């Protein structure tokens, strides 16, 4: 039986890995999780912005304010 993780443990485990960050507006940001803080402010590297599933923009680094985040999930490596 596997041990359950707390959200904090999960977030520490995925640092440095590809993630998808979904915003309240419906926009997705995909990139490598660089760091985050207790307010869920997120720094991503190699960031891509997707609107309605379509790639709209690419950024080197991006900072996302935590109150805009709906969820963070891991992304399979491409």
PDB file of N, CA and C in Angstrom:
ATOM      1  N   UNK A   1       0.843  -1.179   0.000  1.00  0.00           N
ATOM      2  CA  UNK A   1       0.000   0.000   0.000  1.00  0.00           C
ATOM      3  C   UNK A   1       0.886   1.239   0.000  1.00  0.00           C
ATOM      4  N   UNK A   2       0.620   2.183  -0.910  1.00  0.00           N
ATOM      5  CA  UNK A   2       1.456   3.370  -1.003  1.00  0.00           C
ATOM      6  C   UNK A   2       1.014   4.433   0.005  1.00  0.00           C
ATOM      7  N   UNK A   3       1.979   5.221   0.412  1.00  0.00           N
ATOM      8  CA  UNK A   3       1.723   6.269   1.394  1.00  0.00           C
ATOM      9  C   UNK A   3       1.140   7.500   0.702  1.00  0.00           C
ATOM     10  N   UNK A   4       0.143   8.120   1.314  1.00  0.00           N
ATOM     11  CA  UNK A   4      -0.462   9.330   0.767  1.00  0.00           C
ATOM     12  C   UNK A   4       0.477  10.513   0.973  1.00  0.00           C
ATOM     13  N   UNK A   5       0.491  11.426   0.009  1.00  0.00           N
ATOM     14  CA  UNK A   5       1.315  12.618   0.100  1.00  0.00           C
ATOM     15  C   UNK A   5       0.469  13.820   0.485  1.00  0.00           C
ATOM     16  N   UNK A   6       1.072  14.733   1.197  1.00  0.00           N
ATOM     17  CA  UNK A   6       0.412  16.013   1.433  1.00  0.00           C
ATOM     18  C   UNK A   6       0.629  16.874   0.189  1.00  0.00           C
ATOM     19  N   UNK A   7      -0.198  17.894  -0.023  1.00  0.00           N
ATOM     20  CA  UNK A   7       0.025  18.786  -1.168  1.00  0.00           C
ATOM     21  C   UNK A   7       1.418  19.419  -1.160  1.00  0.00           C
ATOM     22  N   UNK A   8       1.901  19.764   0.010  1.00  0.00           N
ATOM     23  CA  UNK A   8       3.234  20.362   0.124  1.00  0.00           C
ATOM     24  C   UNK A   8       4.319  19.384  -0.333  1.00  0.00           C
ATOM     25  N   UNK A   9       4.198  18.125   0.055  1.00  0.00           N
ATOM     26  CA  UNK A   9       5.170  17.100  -0.364  1.00  0.00           C
ATOM     27  C   UNK A   9       5.117  16.908  -1.881  1.00  0.00           C
ATOM     28  N   UNK A  10       3.905  16.887  -2.432  1.00  0.00           N
ATOM     29  CA  UNK A  10       3.753  16.738  -3.882  1.00  0.00           C
ATOM     30  C   UNK A  10       4.443  17.883  -4.616  1.00  0.00           C
ATOM     31  N   UNK A  11       4.202  19.115  -4.177  1.00  0.00           N
ATOM     32  CA  UNK A  11       4.785  20.279  -4.842  1.00  0.00           C
ATOM     33  C   UNK A  11       6.303  20.285  -4.735  1.00  0.00           C
ATOM     34  N   UNK A  12       6.841  19.879  -3.611  1.00  0.00           N
ATOM     35  CA  UNK A  12       8.299  19.789  -3.483  1.00  0.00           C
ATOM     36  C   UNK A  12       8.866  18.713  -4.388  1.00  0.00           C
ATOM     37  N   UNK A  13       8.131  17.643  -4.565  1.00  0.00           N
ATOM     38  CA  UNK A  13       8.584  16.524  -5.410  1.00  0.00           C
ATOM     39  C   UNK A  13       8.620  16.895  -6.891  1.00  0.00           C
ATOM     40  N   UNK A  14       7.715  17.750  -7.349  1.00  0.00           N
ATOM     41  CA  UNK A  14       7.646  18.055  -8.782  1.00  0.00           C
ATOM     42  C   UNK A  14       8.484  19.266  -9.184  1.00  0.00           C
ATOM     43  N   UNK A  15       9.137  19.913  -8.232  1.00  0.00           N
ATOM     44  CA  UNK A  15      10.011  21.047  -8.558  1.00  0.00           C
ATOM     45  C   UNK A  15      11.096  20.574  -9.519  1.00  0.00           C
ATOM     46  N   UNK A  16      11.302  21.335 -10.606  1.00  0.00           N
ATOM     47  CA  UNK A  16      12.289  20.958 -11.615  1.00  0.00           C
ATOM     48  C   UNK A  16      11.743  20.038 -12.697  1.00  0.00           C
ATOM     49  N   UNK A  17      10.451  19.718 -12.631  1.00  0.00           N
ATOM     50  CA  UNK A  17       9.827  18.828 -13.617  1.00  0.00           C
ATOM     51  C   UNK A  17       8.793  19.586 -14.448  1.00  0.00           C
ATOM     52  N   UNK A  18       8.438  19.054 -15.616  1.00  0.00           N
ATOM     53  CA  UNK A  18       7.412  19.706 -16.452  1.00  0.00           C
ATOM     54  C   UNK A  18       6.042  19.644 -15.781  1.00  0.00           C
ATOM     55  N   UNK A  19       5.327  20.769 -15.809  1.00  0.00           N
ATOM     56  CA  UNK A  19       4.003  20.864 -15.202  1.00  0.00           C
ATOM     57  C   UNK A  19       3.049  21.621 -16.123  1.00  0.00           C
ATOM     58  N   UNK A  20       1.761  21.460 -15.834  1.00  0.00           N
ATOM     59  CA  UNK A  20       0.710  22.263 -16.457  1.00  0.00           C
ATOM     60  C   UNK A  20       0.069  23.068 -15.342  1.00  0.00           C
ATOM     61  N   UNK A  21      -0.009  24.385 -15.544  1.00  0.00           N
ATOM     62  CA  UNK A  21      -0.664  25.263 -14.575  1.00  0.00           C
ATOM     63  C   UNK A  21      -1.917  25.815 -15.245  1.00  0.00           C
ATOM     64  N   UNK A  22      -3.071  25.470 -14.704  1.00  0.00           N
ATOM     65  CA  UNK A  22      -4.358  25.932 -15.249  1.00  0.00           C
ATOM     66  C   UNK A  22      -4.803  27.143 -14.435  1.00  0.00           C
ATOM     67  N   UNK A  23      -5.135  28.224 -15.129  1.00  0.00           N
ATOM     68  CA  UNK A  23      -5.587  29.439 -14.464  1.00  0.00           C
ATOM     69  C   UNK A  23      -7.105  29.477 -14.386  1.00  0.00           C
ATOM     70  N   UNK A  24      -7.616  30.316 -13.491  1.00  0.00           N
ATOM     71  CA  UNK A  24      -9.066  30.493 -13.357  1.00  0.00           C
ATOM     72  C   UNK A  24      -9.701  30.943 -14.672  1.00  0.00           C
ATOM     73  N   UNK A  25      -8.948  31.641 -15.510  1.00  0.00           N
ATOM     74  CA  UNK A  25      -9.452  32.138 -16.790  1.00  0.00           C
ATOM     75  C   UNK A  25      -9.561  31.038 -17.847  1.00  0.00           C
ATOM     76  N   UNK A  26      -8.994  29.856 -17.568  1.00  0.00           N
ATOM     77  CA  UNK A  26      -9.032  28.755 -18.524  1.00  0.00           C
ATOM     78  C   UNK A  26      -7.751  28.612 -19.323  1.00  0.00           C
ATOM     79  N   UNK A  27      -6.837  29.562 -19.207  1.00  0.00           N
ATOM     80  CA  UNK A  27      -5.563  29.513 -19.926  1.00  0.00           C
ATOM     81  C   UNK A  27      -4.636  28.511 -19.230  1.00  0.00           C
ATOM     82  N   UNK A  28      -3.894  27.739 -20.026  1.00  0.00           N
ATOM     83  CA  UNK A  28      -2.913  26.781 -19.519  1.00  0.00           C
ATOM     84  C   UNK A  28      -1.513  27.315 -19.768  1.00  0.00           C
ATOM     85  N   UNK A  29      -0.640  27.142 -18.793  1.00  0.00           N
ATOM     86  CA  UNK A  29       0.784  27.410 -18.969  1.00  0.00           C
ATOM     87  C   UNK A  29       1.511  26.103 -18.728  1.00  0.00           C
ATOM     88  N   UNK A  30       2.386  25.749 -19.663  1.00  0.00           N
ATOM     89  CA  UNK A  30       3.166  24.521 -19.551  1.00  0.00           C
ATOM     90  C   UNK A  30       4.630  24.880 -19.535  1.00  0.00           C
ATOM     91  N   UNK A  31       5.347  24.324 -18.572  1.00  0.00           N
ATOM     92  CA  UNK A  31       6.769  24.604 -18.465  1.00  0.00           C
ATOM     93  C   UNK A  31       7.377  23.819 -17.328  1.00  0.00           C
ATOM     94  N   UNK A  32       8.612  24.147 -17.022  1.00  0.00           N
ATOM     95  CA  UNK A  32       9.342  23.475 -15.944  1.00  0.00           C
ATOM     96  C   UNK A  32       9.175  24.303 -14.677  1.00  0.00           C
ATOM     97  N   UNK A  33       8.686  23.656 -13.620  1.00  0.00           N
ATOM     98  CA  UNK A  33       8.461  24.344 -12.350  1.00  0.00           C
ATOM     99  C   UNK A  33       9.801  24.705 -11.723  1.00  0.00           C
ATOM    100  N   UNK A  34      10.049  26.000 -11.636  1.00  0.00           N
ATOM    101  CA  UNK A  34      11.304  26.485 -11.073  1.00  0.00           C
ATOM    102  C   UNK A  34      11.185  26.639  -9.563  1.00  0.00           C
ATOM    103  N   UNK A  35      10.153  27.347  -9.127  1.00  0.00           N
ATOM    104  CA  UNK A  35       9.935  27.504  -7.685  1.00  0.00           C
ATOM    105  C   UNK A  35       8.516  27.995  -7.423  1.00  0.00           C
ATOM    106  N   UNK A  36       8.098  27.861  -6.181  1.00  0.00           N
ATOM    107  CA  UNK A  36       6.810  28.389  -5.752  1.00  0.00           C
ATOM    108  C   UNK A  36       6.893  28.707  -4.272  1.00  0.00           C
ATOM    109  N   UNK A  37       5.975  29.566  -3.825  1.00  0.00           N
ATOM    110  CA  UNK A  37       5.998  29.960  -2.420  1.00  0.00           C
ATOM    111  C   UNK A  37       4.690  29.575  -1.738  1.00  0.00           C
ATOM    112  N   UNK A  38       4.533  29.977  -0.492  1.00  0.00           N
ATOM    113  CA  UNK A  38       3.362  29.628   0.298  1.00  0.00           C
ATOM    114  C   UNK A  38       2.071  30.235  -0.210  1.00  0.00           C
ATOM    115  N   UNK A  39       2.165  31.245  -1.069  1.00  0.00           N
ATOM    116  CA  UNK A  39       0.974  31.869  -1.659  1.00  0.00           C
ATOM    117  C   UNK A  39       0.634  31.264  -3.017  1.00  0.00           C
ATOM    118  N   UNK A  40       1.361  30.201  -3.398  1.00  0.00           N
ATOM    119  CA  UNK A  40       1.191  29.527  -4.690  1.00  0.00           C
ATOM    120  C   UNK A  40       1.631  30.398  -5.862  1.00  0.00           C
ATOM    121  N   UNK A  41       2.446  31.426  -5.608  1.00  0.00           N
ATOM    122  CA  UNK A  41       3.079  32.149  -6.703  1.00  0.00           C
ATOM    123  C   UNK A  41       4.055  31.177  -7.346  1.00  0.00           C
ATOM    124  N   UNK A  42       4.049  31.121  -8.673  1.00  0.00           N
ATOM    125  CA  UNK A  42       4.774  30.087  -9.397  1.00  0.00           C
ATOM    126  C   UNK A  42       5.738  30.712 -10.385  1.00  0.00           C
ATOM    127  N   UNK A  43       6.953  30.198 -10.439  1.00  0.00           N
ATOM    128  CA  UNK A  43       7.922  30.573 -11.462  1.00  0.00           C
ATOM    129  C   UNK A  43       8.138  29.367 -12.362  1.00  0.00           C
ATOM    130  N   UNK A  44       7.971  29.580 -13.674  1.00  0.00           N
ATOM    131  CA  UNK A  44       8.169  28.526 -14.668  1.00  0.00           C
ATOM    132  C   UNK A  44       9.295  28.915 -15.620  1.00  0.00           C
ATOM    133  N   UNK A  45       9.978  27.917 -16.137  1.00  0.00           N
ATOM    134  CA  UNK A  45      10.980  28.093 -17.184  1.00  0.00           C
ATOM    135  C   UNK A  45      10.488  27.380 -18.434  1.00  0.00           C
ATOM    136  N   UNK A  46      10.970  27.801 -19.596  1.00  0.00           N
ATOM    137  CA  UNK A  46      10.591  27.186 -20.891  1.00  0.00           C
ATOM    138  C   UNK A  46       9.070  27.142 -21.020  1.00  0.00           C
ATOM    139  N   UNK A  47       8.427  28.265 -20.772  1.00  0.00           N
ATOM    140  CA  UNK A  47       6.975  28.332 -20.648  1.00  0.00           C
ATOM    141  C   UNK A  47       6.280  28.497 -21.991  1.00  0.00           C
ATOM    142  N   UNK A  48       5.185  27.763 -22.151  1.00  0.00           N
ATOM    143  CA  UNK A  48       4.301  27.891 -23.316  1.00  0.00           C
ATOM    144  C   UNK A  48       2.906  28.220 -22.817  1.00  0.00           C
ATOM    145  N   UNK A  49       2.232  29.135 -23.513  1.00  0.00           N
ATOM    146  CA  UNK A  49       0.872  29.551 -23.155  1.00  0.00           C
ATOM    147  C   UNK A  49      -0.124  28.936 -24.147  1.00  0.00           C
ATOM    148  N   UNK A  50      -1.131  28.266 -23.622  1.00  0.00           N
ATOM    149  CA  UNK A  50      -2.155  27.631 -24.449  1.00  0.00           C
ATOM    150  C   UNK A  50      -3.518  28.228 -24.118  1.00  0.00           C
ATOM    151  N   UNK A  51      -4.234  28.649 -25.162  1.00  0.00           N
ATOM    152  CA  UNK A  51      -5.591  29.154 -25.011  1.00  0.00           C
ATOM    153  C   UNK A  51      -6.493  28.261 -25.848  1.00  0.00           C
ATOM    154  N   UNK A  52      -7.493  27.668 -25.225  1.00  0.00           N
ATOM    155  CA  UNK A  52      -8.390  26.724 -25.903  1.00  0.00           C
ATOM    156  C   UNK A  52      -7.610  25.603 -26.595  1.00  0.00           C
ATOM    157  N   UNK A  53      -6.548  25.145 -25.946  1.00  0.00           N
ATOM    158  CA  UNK A  53      -5.753  24.042 -26.484  1.00  0.00           C
ATOM    159  C   UNK A  53      -4.780  24.433 -27.578  1.00  0.00           C
ATOM    160  N   UNK A  54      -4.769  25.693 -27.990  1.00  0.00           N
ATOM    161  CA  UNK A  54      -3.895  26.163 -29.063  1.00  0.00           C
ATOM    162  C   UNK A  54      -2.701  26.917 -28.478  1.00  0.00           C
ATOM    163  N   UNK A  55      -1.500  26.602 -28.956  1.00  0.00           N
ATOM    164  CA  UNK A  55      -0.301  27.312 -28.522  1.00  0.00           C
ATOM    165  C   UNK A  55      -0.395  28.760 -28.983  1.00  0.00           C
ATOM    166  N   UNK A  56      -0.308  29.707 -28.047  1.00  0.00           N
ATOM    167  CA  UNK A  56      -0.421  31.131 -28.374  1.00  0.00           C
ATOM    168  C   UNK A  56       0.897  31.869 -28.247  1.00  0.00           C
ATOM    169  N   UNK A  57       1.752  31.456 -27.293  1.00  0.00           N
ATOM    170  CA  UNK A  57       2.983  32.187 -27.045  1.00  0.00           C
ATOM    171  C   UNK A  57       3.996  31.297 -26.346  1.00  0.00           C
ATOM    172  N   UNK A  58       5.266  31.658 -26.500  1.00  0.00           N
ATOM    173  CA  UNK A  58       6.345  30.980 -25.780  1.00  0.00           C
ATOM    174  C   UNK A  58       7.133  32.033 -25.022  1.00  0.00           C
ATOM    175  N   UNK A  59       7.471  31.719 -23.778  1.00  0.00           N
ATOM    176  CA  UNK A  59       8.241  32.617 -22.930  1.00  0.00           C
ATOM    177  C   UNK A  59       9.429  31.856 -22.368  1.00  0.00           C
ATOM    178  N   UNK A  60      10.510  32.544 -22.126  1.00  0.00           N
ATOM    179  CA  UNK A  60      11.640  31.896 -21.461  1.00  0.00           C
ATOM    180  C   UNK A  60      11.268  31.576 -20.027  1.00  0.00           C
ATOM    181  N   UNK A  61      10.989  32.619 -19.269  1.00  0.00           N
ATOM    182  CA  UNK A  61      10.589  32.481 -17.871  1.00  0.00           C
ATOM    183  C   UNK A  61       9.250  33.178 -17.676  1.00  0.00           C
ATOM    184  N   UNK A  62       8.451  32.660 -16.759  1.00  0.00           N
ATOM    185  CA  UNK A  62       7.148  33.272 -16.464  1.00  0.00           C
ATOM    186  C   UNK A  62       6.893  33.204 -14.970  1.00  0.00           C
ATOM    187  N   UNK A  63       6.232  34.247 -14.463  1.00  0.00           N
ATOM    188  CA  UNK A  63       5.822  34.296 -13.071  1.00  0.00           C
ATOM    189  C   UNK A  63       4.309  34.370 -13.035  1.00  0.00           C
ATOM    190  N   UNK A  64       3.673  33.479 -12.298  1.00  0.00           N
ATOM    191  CA  UNK A  64       2.209  33.427 -12.217  1.00  0.00           C
ATOM    192  C   UNK A  64       1.793  33.692 -10.786  1.00  0.00           C
ATOM    193  N   UNK A  65       0.951  34.680 -10.618  1.00  0.00           N
ATOM    194  CA  UNK A  65       0.472  35.018  -9.281  1.00  0.00           C
ATOM    195  C   UNK A  65      -0.465  33.920  -8.768  1.00  0.00           C
ATOM    196  N   UNK A  66      -0.272  33.523  -7.538  1.00  0.00           N
ATOM    197  CA  UNK A  66      -0.961  32.380  -6.974  1.00  0.00           C
ATOM    198  C   UNK A  66      -2.472  32.461  -6.950  1.00  0.00           C
ATOM    199  N   UNK A  67      -3.040  33.665  -6.783  1.00  0.00           N
ATOM    200  CA  UNK A  67      -4.500  33.743  -6.699  1.00  0.00           C
ATOM    201  C   UNK A  67      -5.181  33.504  -8.043  1.00  0.00           C
ATOM    202  N   UNK A  68      -4.413  33.390  -9.132  1.00  0.00           N
ATOM    203  CA  UNK A  68      -4.972  33.079 -10.449  1.00  0.00           C
ATOM    204  C   UNK A  68      -4.952  31.590 -10.769  1.00  0.00           C
ATOM    205  N   UNK A  69      -4.311  30.786  -9.913  1.00  0.00           N
ATOM    206  CA  UNK A  69      -4.087  29.367 -10.207  1.00  0.00           C
ATOM    207  C   UNK A  69      -5.286  28.519  -9.787  1.00  0.00           C
ATOM    208  N   UNK A  70      -5.801  27.741 -10.739  1.00  0.00           N
ATOM    209  CA  UNK A  70      -6.863  26.781 -10.452  1.00  0.00           C
ATOM    210  C   UNK A  70      -6.247  25.466  -9.980  1.00  0.00           C
ATOM    211  N   UNK A  71      -5.246  24.968 -10.734  1.00  0.00           N
ATOM    212  CA  UNK A  71      -4.533  23.752 -10.312  1.00  0.00           C
ATOM    213  C   UNK A  71      -3.179  23.644 -10.995  1.00  0.00           C
ATOM    214  N   UNK A  72      -2.343  22.776 -10.435  1.00  0.00           N
ATOM    215  CA  UNK A  72      -1.047  22.410 -11.015  1.00  0.00           C
ATOM    216  C   UNK A  72      -1.043  20.905 -11.172  1.00  0.00           C
ATOM    217  N   UNK A  73      -0.630  20.434 -12.333  1.00  0.00           N
ATOM    218  CA  UNK A  73      -0.497  18.979 -12.511  1.00  0.00           C
ATOM    219  C   UNK A  73       0.820  18.677 -13.220  1.00  0.00           C
ATOM    220  N   UNK A  74       1.277  17.442 -13.060  1.00  0.00           N
ATOM    221  CA  UNK A  74       2.502  17.041 -13.734  1.00  0.00           C
ATOM    222  C   UNK A  74       2.200  16.805 -15.206  1.00  0.00           C
ATOM    223  N   UNK A  75       3.232  16.963 -16.001  1.00  0.00           N
ATOM    224  CA  UNK A  75       3.106  16.795 -17.450  1.00  0.00           C
ATOM    225  C   UNK A  75       4.108  15.741 -17.878  1.00  0.00           C
ATOM    226  N   UNK A  76       3.689  14.863 -18.759  1.00  0.00           N
ATOM    227  CA  UNK A  76       4.623  13.862 -19.274  1.00  0.00           C
ATOM    228  C   UNK A  76       5.707  14.560 -20.078  1.00  0.00           C
ATOM    229  N   UNK A  77       6.934  14.078 -19.935  1.00  0.00           N
ATOM    230  CA  UNK A  77       8.042  14.644 -20.710  1.00  0.00           C
ATOM    231  C   UNK A  77       7.824  14.351 -22.184  1.00  0.00           C
ATOM    232  N   UNK A  78       8.143  15.369 -23.021  1.00  0.00           N
ATOM    233  CA  UNK A  78       7.964  15.207 -24.464  1.00  0.00           C
ATOM    234  C   UNK A  78       9.200  14.694 -25.121  1.00  0.00           C
TER     235      UNK A  78
END
